[in-house]
Amino acid sequence: MQGKLALVAVMLLLCGCINQAPVTTTTTTTTLPCSDTDAGRNYLAAGTVSGFDKEGKNFSDTDHCINADQLIEGYCDDVGHALTEPVSCKKMGMLCVRNSCVDVSTTTMSTTSTVITTTTTTTTILGGCVSGSCGDPEEVYRCAEDFKEKFIYVEKIATVHYCADAGTPQALCKTKEARSIEDRCARDEVCVNGTITCQPESIMEGLAANCTASNCSAS
């Protein structure tokens, strides 16, 4: 009798007369904490990615140029890993400048020692400025690169503040900015921001010796 009951149960199971409970499989995806200040693969802005790499180690890196073409871009992948990738700015018709890809047409580089002067409005004070009250003149020396001629040089940026239409309701504080090439660096010289002339390569050894995480960063 028991054998017949067992046989009936098997036949009912095979014909689908006995309903089986469905098997439910739950897949859980864990997203790691990862942040990127320029919101992902944004080649037009410099950002910093922070989180964990694929080996589970703490990782942080700021977008930076290796040369005029190659940009190292940080981003978070779909899982949340903090990663970097090399990007060719030239393939997009751009150059790598100041840690991002920049449109060549909007990048102004001096190719001669001719002074280039531009005027821009920096502060609006209607009727409030008089001659000499808009600020002291400034001079800044910084490193720049001529991508066409392929040389490094010291660029001088001289800024003069002045009052236009002083004593009238239309008075505006304006700025005149003059840029010029102060010194071209030879093959055995390097440029250091803040110096008036190119420096011998040997100076880099001293700078590296005094470099710490708080006062040095890749340019």
C-alpha atoms as a PDB file:
ATOM      1  CA  MET A   1       0.000   0.000   0.000  1.00  0.00           C
ATOM      2  CA  GLN A   2       2.769   2.431   0.896  1.00  0.00           C
ATOM      3  CA  GLY A   3       4.489   1.677  -2.402  1.00  0.00           C
ATOM      4  CA  LYS A   4       1.352   2.572  -4.329  1.00  0.00           C
ATOM      5  CA  LEU A   5       1.016   5.867  -2.445  1.00  0.00           C
ATOM      6  CA  ALA A   6       4.643   6.735  -3.212  1.00  0.00           C
ATOM      7  CA  LEU A   7       4.117   5.938  -6.906  1.00  0.00           C
ATOM      8  CA  VAL A   8       0.996   8.151  -7.029  1.00  0.00           C
ATOM      9  CA  ALA A   9       2.927  11.022  -5.399  1.00  0.00           C
ATOM     10  CA  VAL A  10       5.725  10.758  -8.011  1.00  0.00           C
ATOM     11  CA  MET A  11       3.192  10.745 -10.863  1.00  0.00           C
ATOM     12  CA  LEU A  12       1.402  13.799  -9.465  1.00  0.00           C
ATOM     13  CA  LEU A  13       4.722  15.608  -9.142  1.00  0.00           C
ATOM     14  CA  LEU A  14       5.720  14.764 -12.717  1.00  0.00           C
ATOM     15  CA  CYS A  15       2.411  15.931 -14.194  1.00  0.00           C
ATOM     16  CA  GLY A  16       2.562  19.215 -12.284  1.00  0.00           C
ATOM     17  CA  CYS A  17      -0.409  18.477 -10.118  1.00  0.00           C
ATOM     18  CA  ILE A  18       1.554  19.295  -6.978  1.00  0.00           C
ATOM     19  CA  ASN A  19       2.775  22.920  -6.928  1.00  0.00           C
ATOM     20  CA  GLN A  20       6.326  23.527  -5.728  1.00  0.00           C
ATOM     21  CA  ALA A  21       7.300  26.793  -4.082  1.00  0.00           C
ATOM     22  CA  PRO A  22       9.449  28.946  -6.465  1.00  0.00           C
ATOM     23  CA  VAL A  23      13.124  29.301  -5.568  1.00  0.00           C
ATOM     24  CA  THR A  24      14.070  32.961  -5.009  1.00  0.00           C
ATOM     25  CA  THR A  25      17.673  34.052  -5.505  1.00  0.00           C
ATOM     26  CA  THR A  26      18.726  37.409  -4.069  1.00  0.00           C
ATOM     27  CA  THR A  27      21.795  39.182  -5.451  1.00  0.00           C
ATOM     28  CA  THR A  28      23.249  41.987  -3.381  1.00  0.00           C
ATOM     29  CA  THR A  29      25.552  44.542  -5.007  1.00  0.00           C
ATOM     30  CA  THR A  30      27.749  46.546  -2.654  1.00  0.00           C
ATOM     31  CA  THR A  31      28.925  49.963  -3.842  1.00  0.00           C
ATOM     32  CA  LEU A  32      32.139  51.226  -2.295  1.00  0.00           C
ATOM     33  CA  PRO A  33      32.424  54.819  -1.048  1.00  0.00           C
ATOM     34  CA  CYS A  34      34.185  56.781  -3.797  1.00  0.00           C
ATOM     35  CA  SER A  35      34.251  60.503  -4.604  1.00  0.00           C
ATOM     36  CA  ASP A  36      35.481  62.477  -7.609  1.00  0.00           C
ATOM     37  CA  THR A  37      35.437  66.274  -7.334  1.00  0.00           C
ATOM     38  CA  ASP A  38      35.040  66.801 -11.089  1.00  0.00           C
ATOM     39  CA  ALA A  39      32.134  64.331 -11.315  1.00  0.00           C
ATOM     40  CA  GLY A  40      33.678  61.436 -13.222  1.00  0.00           C
ATOM     41  CA  ARG A  41      35.480  61.339 -16.545  1.00  0.00           C
ATOM     42  CA  ASN A  42      35.519  65.118 -16.969  1.00  0.00           C
ATOM     43  CA  TYR A  43      38.607  65.816 -19.057  1.00  0.00           C
ATOM     44  CA  LEU A  44      37.951  69.570 -19.147  1.00  0.00           C
ATOM     45  CA  ALA A  45      38.391  70.097 -15.394  1.00  0.00           C
ATOM     46  CA  ALA A  46      40.958  69.038 -12.820  1.00  0.00           C
ATOM     47  CA  GLY A  47      39.519  66.921 -10.004  1.00  0.00           C
ATOM     48  CA  THR A  48      40.602  64.571  -7.230  1.00  0.00           C
ATOM     49  CA  VAL A  49      39.343  60.988  -6.884  1.00  0.00           C
ATOM     50  CA  SER A  50      39.353  59.351  -3.439  1.00  0.00           C
ATOM     51  CA  GLY A  51      38.321  55.897  -2.247  1.00  0.00           C
ATOM     52  CA  PHE A  52      39.648  52.338  -2.531  1.00  0.00           C
ATOM     53  CA  ASP A  53      41.419  50.737  -5.485  1.00  0.00           C
ATOM     54  CA  LYS A  54      40.676  47.227  -6.798  1.00  0.00           C
ATOM     55  CA  GLU A  55      43.072  45.757  -4.210  1.00  0.00           C
ATOM     56  CA  GLY A  56      41.111  47.349  -1.367  1.00  0.00           C
ATOM     57  CA  LYS A  57      43.791  49.926  -0.567  1.00  0.00           C
ATOM     58  CA  ASN A  58      43.098  53.583   0.184  1.00  0.00           C
ATOM     59  CA  PHE A  59      43.662  55.560  -3.007  1.00  0.00           C
ATOM     60  CA  SER A  60      43.643  59.244  -3.872  1.00  0.00           C
ATOM     61  CA  ASP A  61      44.930  60.999  -6.983  1.00  0.00           C
ATOM     62  CA  THR A  62      44.514  64.410  -8.598  1.00  0.00           C
ATOM     63  CA  ASP A  63      44.168  64.717 -12.370  1.00  0.00           C
ATOM     64  CA  HIS A  64      47.518  65.745 -13.839  1.00  0.00           C
ATOM     65  CA  CYS A  65      49.341  66.233 -17.124  1.00  0.00           C
ATOM     66  CA  ILE A  66      52.281  63.990 -18.002  1.00  0.00           C
ATOM     67  CA  ASN A  67      53.083  66.074 -21.080  1.00  0.00           C
ATOM     68  CA  ALA A  68      51.292  68.326 -23.578  1.00  0.00           C
ATOM     69  CA  ASP A  69      49.228  65.351 -24.766  1.00  0.00           C
ATOM     70  CA  GLN A  70      48.725  62.844 -21.931  1.00  0.00           C
ATOM     71  CA  LEU A  71      46.306  63.484 -19.059  1.00  0.00           C
ATOM     72  CA  ILE A  72      45.920  61.074 -16.138  1.00  0.00           C
ATOM     73  CA  GLU A  73      42.204  61.238 -15.298  1.00  0.00           C
ATOM     74  CA  GLY A  74      40.724  59.881 -12.064  1.00  0.00           C
ATOM     75  CA  TYR A  75      37.215  58.434 -11.804  1.00  0.00           C
ATOM     76  CA  CYS A  76      34.970  56.039  -9.843  1.00  0.00           C
ATOM     77  CA  ASP A  77      33.867  52.863 -11.629  1.00  0.00           C
ATOM     78  CA  ASP A  78      30.386  51.313 -11.361  1.00  0.00           C
ATOM     79  CA  VAL A  79      31.339  49.357  -8.229  1.00  0.00           C
ATOM     80  CA  GLY A  80      32.960  52.356  -6.544  1.00  0.00           C
ATOM     81  CA  HIS A  81      36.649  51.649  -7.115  1.00  0.00           C
ATOM     82  CA  ALA A  82      38.835  54.762  -7.316  1.00  0.00           C
ATOM     83  CA  LEU A  83      40.767  54.407 -10.585  1.00  0.00           C
ATOM     84  CA  THR A  84      42.797  56.425 -13.099  1.00  0.00           C
ATOM     85  CA  GLU A  85      43.196  56.200 -16.849  1.00  0.00           C
ATOM     86  CA  PRO A  86      45.490  57.851 -19.433  1.00  0.00           C
ATOM     87  CA  VAL A  87      43.755  60.184 -21.885  1.00  0.00           C
ATOM     88  CA  SER A  88      45.089  61.728 -25.101  1.00  0.00           C
ATOM     89  CA  CYS A  89      44.051  65.378 -25.231  1.00  0.00           C
ATOM     90  CA  LYS A  90      45.455  65.760 -28.769  1.00  0.00           C
ATOM     91  CA  LYS A  91      43.022  63.139 -30.083  1.00  0.00           C
ATOM     92  CA  MET A  92      40.259  65.512 -29.000  1.00  0.00           C
ATOM     93  CA  GLY A  93      41.966  68.478 -30.660  1.00  0.00           C
ATOM     94  CA  MET A  94      43.179  69.795 -27.324  1.00  0.00           C
ATOM     95  CA  LEU A  95      46.335  70.144 -25.231  1.00  0.00           C
ATOM     96  CA  CYS A  96      46.968  69.140 -21.631  1.00  0.00           C
ATOM     97  CA  VAL A  97      47.365  72.380 -19.656  1.00  0.00           C
ATOM     98  CA  ARG A  98      47.022  72.931 -15.897  1.00  0.00           C
ATOM     99  CA  ASN A  99      45.874  69.355 -15.271  1.00  0.00           C
ATOM    100  CA  SER A 100      43.031  69.222 -17.825  1.00  0.00           C
ATOM    101  CA  CYS A 101      42.441  69.117 -21.584  1.00  0.00           C
ATOM    102  CA  VAL A 102      42.132  72.633 -22.997  1.00  0.00           C
ATOM    103  CA  ASP A 103      40.855  73.674 -26.429  1.00  0.00           C
ATOM    104  CA  VAL A 104      43.853  74.836 -28.473  1.00  0.00           C
ATOM    105  CA  SER A 105      41.874  77.758 -29.845  1.00  0.00           C
ATOM    106  CA  THR A 106      41.364  79.150 -26.327  1.00  0.00           C
ATOM    107  CA  THR A 107      44.997  78.671 -25.218  1.00  0.00           C
ATOM    108  CA  THR A 108      47.106  81.774 -25.689  1.00  0.00           C
ATOM    109  CA  MET A 109      50.867  81.262 -25.752  1.00  0.00           C
ATOM    110  CA  SER A 110      53.477  83.866 -26.674  1.00  0.00           C
ATOM    111  CA  THR A 111      55.870  82.816 -29.436  1.00  0.00           C
ATOM    112  CA  THR A 112      58.002  85.972 -29.376  1.00  0.00           C
ATOM    113  CA  SER A 113      59.166  88.463 -26.779  1.00  0.00           C
ATOM    114  CA  THR A 114      56.459  90.931 -27.848  1.00  0.00           C
ATOM    115  CA  VAL A 115      54.390  92.235 -24.944  1.00  0.00           C
ATOM    116  CA  ILE A 116      50.703  91.293 -25.202  1.00  0.00           C
ATOM    117  CA  THR A 117      48.376  93.680 -23.365  1.00  0.00           C
ATOM    118  CA  THR A 118      44.734  92.975 -22.548  1.00  0.00           C
ATOM    119  CA  THR A 119      42.181  94.905 -20.502  1.00  0.00           C
ATOM    120  CA  THR A 120      39.464  93.291 -18.399  1.00  0.00           C
ATOM    121  CA  THR A 121      37.025  94.633 -15.821  1.00  0.00           C
ATOM    122  CA  THR A 122      37.665  93.105 -12.405  1.00  0.00           C
ATOM    123  CA  THR A 123      35.572  95.215 -10.029  1.00  0.00           C
ATOM    124  CA  THR A 124      32.513  97.404 -10.511  1.00  0.00           C
ATOM    125  CA  ILE A 125      32.147 100.344  -8.117  1.00  0.00           C
ATOM    126  CA  LEU A 126      29.751 102.820  -9.693  1.00  0.00           C
ATOM    127  CA  GLY A 127      30.943 106.358  -8.963  1.00  0.00           C
ATOM    128  CA  GLY A 128      33.084 105.094  -6.104  1.00  0.00           C
ATOM    129  CA  CYS A 129      36.642 104.971  -7.405  1.00  0.00           C
ATOM    130  CA  VAL A 130      39.135 107.776  -7.886  1.00  0.00           C
ATOM    131  CA  SER A 131      42.505 107.713  -9.596  1.00  0.00           C
ATOM    132  CA  GLY A 132      44.888 105.387  -7.740  1.00  0.00           C
ATOM    133  CA  SER A 133      42.303 103.838  -5.410  1.00  0.00           C
ATOM    134  CA  CYS A 134      41.787 100.550  -7.237  1.00  0.00           C
ATOM    135  CA  GLY A 135      44.863  98.704  -5.988  1.00  0.00           C
ATOM    136  CA  ASP A 136      48.639  98.545  -6.239  1.00  0.00           C
ATOM    137  CA  PRO A 137      50.422  97.258  -9.362  1.00  0.00           C
ATOM    138  CA  GLU A 138      51.546  93.619  -9.270  1.00  0.00           C
ATOM    139  CA  GLU A 139      54.177  91.512 -10.999  1.00  0.00           C
ATOM    140  CA  VAL A 140      54.089  87.704 -11.157  1.00  0.00           C
ATOM    141  CA  TYR A 141      56.675  85.383 -12.702  1.00  0.00           C
ATOM    142  CA  ARG A 142      55.521  81.910 -13.689  1.00  0.00           C
ATOM    143  CA  CYS A 143      56.545  79.017 -15.916  1.00  0.00           C
ATOM    144  CA  ALA A 144      54.889  78.552 -19.290  1.00  0.00           C
ATOM    145  CA  GLU A 145      55.369  76.356 -22.348  1.00  0.00           C
ATOM    146  CA  ASP A 146      55.288  77.185 -26.046  1.00  0.00           C
ATOM    147  CA  PHE A 147      53.717  74.043 -27.498  1.00  0.00           C
ATOM    148  CA  LYS A 148      54.351  75.043 -31.110  1.00  0.00           C
ATOM    149  CA  GLU A 149      58.055  75.874 -30.769  1.00  0.00           C
ATOM    150  CA  LYS A 150      58.489  73.390 -27.895  1.00  0.00           C
ATOM    151  CA  PHE A 151      60.372  75.433 -25.331  1.00  0.00           C
ATOM    152  CA  ILE A 152      59.850  76.404 -21.688  1.00  0.00           C
ATOM    153  CA  TYR A 153      60.069  80.041 -20.644  1.00  0.00           C
ATOM    154  CA  VAL A 154      59.599  82.429 -17.726  1.00  0.00           C
ATOM    155  CA  GLU A 155      56.503  84.544 -18.280  1.00  0.00           C
ATOM    156  CA  LYS A 156      56.099  87.902 -16.582  1.00  0.00           C
ATOM    157  CA  ILE A 157      52.549  89.058 -15.852  1.00  0.00           C
ATOM    158  CA  ALA A 158      52.392  92.751 -14.937  1.00  0.00           C
ATOM    159  CA  THR A 159      49.042  93.987 -13.624  1.00  0.00           C
ATOM    160  CA  VAL A 160      48.051  97.638 -13.213  1.00  0.00           C
ATOM    161  CA  HIS A 161      44.748  98.683 -11.594  1.00  0.00           C
ATOM    162  CA  TYR A 162      43.203 102.007 -12.547  1.00  0.00           C
ATOM    163  CA  CYS A 163      39.987 103.995 -12.283  1.00  0.00           C
ATOM    164  CA  ALA A 164      38.133 104.691 -15.515  1.00  0.00           C
ATOM    165  CA  ASP A 165      35.830 107.737 -15.621  1.00  0.00           C
ATOM    166  CA  ALA A 166      36.778 108.769 -12.085  1.00  0.00           C
ATOM    167  CA  GLY A 167      34.310 111.035 -10.293  1.00  0.00           C
ATOM    168  CA  THR A 168      31.373 110.114 -12.511  1.00  0.00           C
ATOM    169  CA  PRO A 169      28.487 107.674 -12.007  1.00  0.00           C
ATOM    170  CA  GLN A 170      30.133 105.481 -14.706  1.00  0.00           C
ATOM    171  CA  ALA A 171      33.413 105.125 -12.777  1.00  0.00           C
ATOM    172  CA  LEU A 172      34.826 101.585 -12.894  1.00  0.00           C
ATOM    173  CA  CYS A 173      37.913  99.916 -11.473  1.00  0.00           C
ATOM    174  CA  LYS A 174      39.683  98.158 -14.337  1.00  0.00           C
ATOM    175  CA  THR A 175      42.834  96.132 -14.799  1.00  0.00           C
ATOM    176  CA  LYS A 176      45.478  96.204 -17.509  1.00  0.00           C
ATOM    177  CA  GLU A 177      47.487  92.999 -17.787  1.00  0.00           C
ATOM    178  CA  ALA A 178      50.713  92.793 -19.805  1.00  0.00           C
ATOM    179  CA  ARG A 179      52.388  89.427 -20.513  1.00  0.00           C
ATOM    180  CA  SER A 180      55.911  88.985 -21.819  1.00  0.00           C
ATOM    181  CA  ILE A 181      58.633  86.346 -22.160  1.00  0.00           C
ATOM    182  CA  GLU A 182      61.360  87.187 -19.661  1.00  0.00           C
ATOM    183  CA  ASP A 183      63.729  84.273 -20.320  1.00  0.00           C
ATOM    184  CA  ARG A 184      63.834  81.186 -22.529  1.00  0.00           C
ATOM    185  CA  CYS A 185      65.169  78.072 -20.831  1.00  0.00           C
ATOM    186  CA  ALA A 186      68.068  76.264 -22.491  1.00  0.00           C
ATOM    187  CA  ARG A 187      68.382  72.448 -22.604  1.00  0.00           C
ATOM    188  CA  ASP A 188      70.327  72.369 -19.336  1.00  0.00           C
ATOM    189  CA  GLU A 189      67.993  74.809 -17.543  1.00  0.00           C
ATOM    190  CA  VAL A 190      64.625  74.503 -15.817  1.00  0.00           C
ATOM    191  CA  CYS A 191      61.884  76.966 -14.921  1.00  0.00           C
ATOM    192  CA  VAL A 192      60.813  77.459 -11.299  1.00  0.00           C
ATOM    193  CA  ASN A 193      57.644  79.427 -10.565  1.00  0.00           C
ATOM    194  CA  GLY A 194      58.439  82.751  -8.909  1.00  0.00           C
ATOM    195  CA  THR A 195      61.966  83.095 -10.333  1.00  0.00           C
ATOM    196  CA  ILE A 196      62.790  85.856 -12.825  1.00  0.00           C
ATOM    197  CA  THR A 197      65.183  83.752 -14.935  1.00  0.00           C
ATOM    198  CA  CYS A 198      65.625  80.092 -15.848  1.00  0.00           C
ATOM    199  CA  GLN A 199      67.654  78.077 -13.346  1.00  0.00           C
ATOM    200  CA  PRO A 200      70.361  75.405 -13.828  1.00  0.00           C
ATOM    201  CA  GLU A 201      69.090  71.816 -13.656  1.00  0.00           C
ATOM    202  CA  SER A 202      71.129  71.246 -10.494  1.00  0.00           C
ATOM    203  CA  ILE A 203      68.691  73.403  -8.532  1.00  0.00           C
ATOM    204  CA  MET A 204      66.100  70.621  -8.819  1.00  0.00           C
ATOM    205  CA  GLU A 205      68.171  68.386  -6.544  1.00  0.00           C
ATOM    206  CA  GLY A 206      67.961  70.940  -3.764  1.00  0.00           C
ATOM    207  CA  LEU A 207      64.236  71.487  -4.306  1.00  0.00           C
ATOM    208  CA  ALA A 208      63.577  67.748  -4.209  1.00  0.00           C
ATOM    209  CA  ALA A 209      65.560  67.384  -0.983  1.00  0.00           C
ATOM    210  CA  ASN A 210      63.427  70.046   0.719  1.00  0.00           C
ATOM    211  CA  CYS A 211      60.135  68.871  -0.776  1.00  0.00           C
ATOM    212  CA  THR A 212      57.433  67.588   1.571  1.00  0.00           C
ATOM    213  CA  ALA A 213      53.839  66.556   1.013  1.00  0.00           C
ATOM    214  CA  SER A 214      52.639  69.854   2.471  1.00  0.00           C
ATOM    215  CA  ASN A 215      54.704  72.261   0.363  1.00  0.00           C
ATOM    216  CA  CYS A 216      55.254  70.408  -2.917  1.00  0.00           C
ATOM    217  CA  SER A 217      52.857  69.192  -5.556  1.00  0.00           C
ATOM    218  CA  ALA A 218      53.039  68.139  -9.182  1.00  0.00           C
ATOM    219  CA  SER A 219      52.365  70.969 -11.611  1.00  0.00           C
END
